Protein backbone atom coordinates (compact mmCIF):
# COMPACT_ATOMS: atom_id res chain seq x y z
CA UNK A 1 1.78 17.41 0.82
CA UNK A 2 -1.92 18.09 0.28
CA UNK A 3 -1.68 16.86 -3.31
CA UNK A 4 -0.16 13.56 -2.12
CA UNK A 5 -2.88 13.17 0.52
CA UNK A 6 -5.55 13.77 -2.12
CA UNK A 7 -3.98 11.15 -4.38
CA UNK A 8 -3.85 8.58 -1.60
CA UNK A 9 -7.49 9.15 -0.61
CA UNK A 10 -8.55 8.80 -4.26
CA UNK A 11 -7.06 5.33 -4.87
CA UNK A 12 -3.97 6.74 -6.60
CA UNK A 13 -0.33 5.71 -6.24
CA UNK A 14 2.47 8.16 -5.50
CA UNK A 15 6.27 7.88 -5.75
CA UNK A 16 8.31 8.86 -2.71
CA UNK A 17 12.02 9.59 -3.16
CA UNK A 18 14.41 7.94 -0.71
CA UNK A 19 18.19 8.11 -0.49
CA UNK A 20 18.70 5.36 -3.06
CA UNK A 21 15.43 4.63 -4.90
CA UNK A 22 11.84 5.73 -5.25
CA UNK A 23 9.22 3.94 -3.19
CA UNK A 24 5.62 3.52 -4.30
CA UNK A 25 2.85 4.34 -1.84
CA UNK A 26 -0.87 3.77 -1.92
CA UNK A 27 -3.75 3.09 0.42
CA UNK A 28 -3.32 -0.56 1.50
CA UNK A 29 -7.10 -0.79 2.06
CA UNK A 30 -7.83 0.27 -1.53
CA UNK A 31 -8.05 -2.56 -4.04
CA UNK A 32 -7.55 -0.16 -7.00
CA UNK A 33 -4.44 1.38 -5.40
CA UNK A 34 -2.89 -1.99 -4.53
CA UNK A 35 -3.67 -3.29 -8.01
CA UNK A 36 -1.95 -0.25 -9.55
CA UNK A 37 1.19 -0.88 -7.48
CA UNK A 38 1.32 -4.47 -8.71
CA UNK A 39 0.81 -3.30 -12.30
CA UNK A 40 3.50 -0.61 -12.05
CA UNK A 41 6.00 -3.04 -10.57
CA UNK A 42 4.85 -5.78 -12.99
CA UNK A 43 4.45 -8.28 -10.15
CA UNK A 44 1.98 -11.12 -9.98
CA UNK A 45 -0.83 -10.80 -7.47
CA UNK A 46 0.46 -13.93 -5.71
CA UNK A 47 3.62 -12.07 -4.68
CA UNK A 48 3.36 -10.47 -1.26
CA UNK A 49 4.00 -6.83 -0.46
CA UNK A 50 4.60 -5.10 2.84
CA UNK A 51 2.19 -2.57 4.27
CA UNK A 52 3.49 0.05 6.68
CA UNK A 53 0.86 1.42 9.05
CA UNK A 54 1.06 3.91 11.86
CA UNK A 55 -1.22 2.21 14.41
CA UNK A 56 -2.17 -1.31 15.43
CA UNK A 57 -5.85 -0.52 14.78
CA UNK A 58 -5.04 0.13 11.12
CA UNK A 59 -3.13 -3.15 10.90
CA UNK A 60 -6.09 -5.01 12.38
CA UNK A 61 -8.44 -3.38 9.86
CA UNK A 62 -6.10 -4.32 7.03
CA UNK A 63 -5.91 -7.88 8.32
CA UNK A 64 -9.70 -8.25 7.93
CA UNK A 65 -9.36 -7.85 4.17
CA UNK A 66 -6.50 -10.34 3.73
CA UNK A 67 -7.09 -14.01 2.90
CA UNK A 68 -3.77 -15.28 4.24
CA UNK A 69 -2.57 -14.73 7.82
CA UNK A 70 -0.69 -11.49 8.35
CA UNK A 71 2.22 -11.01 10.73
CA UNK A 72 1.63 -8.09 13.07
CA UNK A 73 4.59 -7.12 15.26
């Protein structure tokens, strides 16, 4: 777990196994990490991605860096 935490704090991307597929994870506030996820998945930057956060404060901080309106439930 410490290795994954170190990767996430250093703008890296990690793969997380789930029951059916692997999910990619990175720091949503890190431009290099988000860019790597788009490159790995070969998606265009115009395509949206979801960001899972643990607290509303984190979502509000993330929202500050987004050009388009974000939906916060």
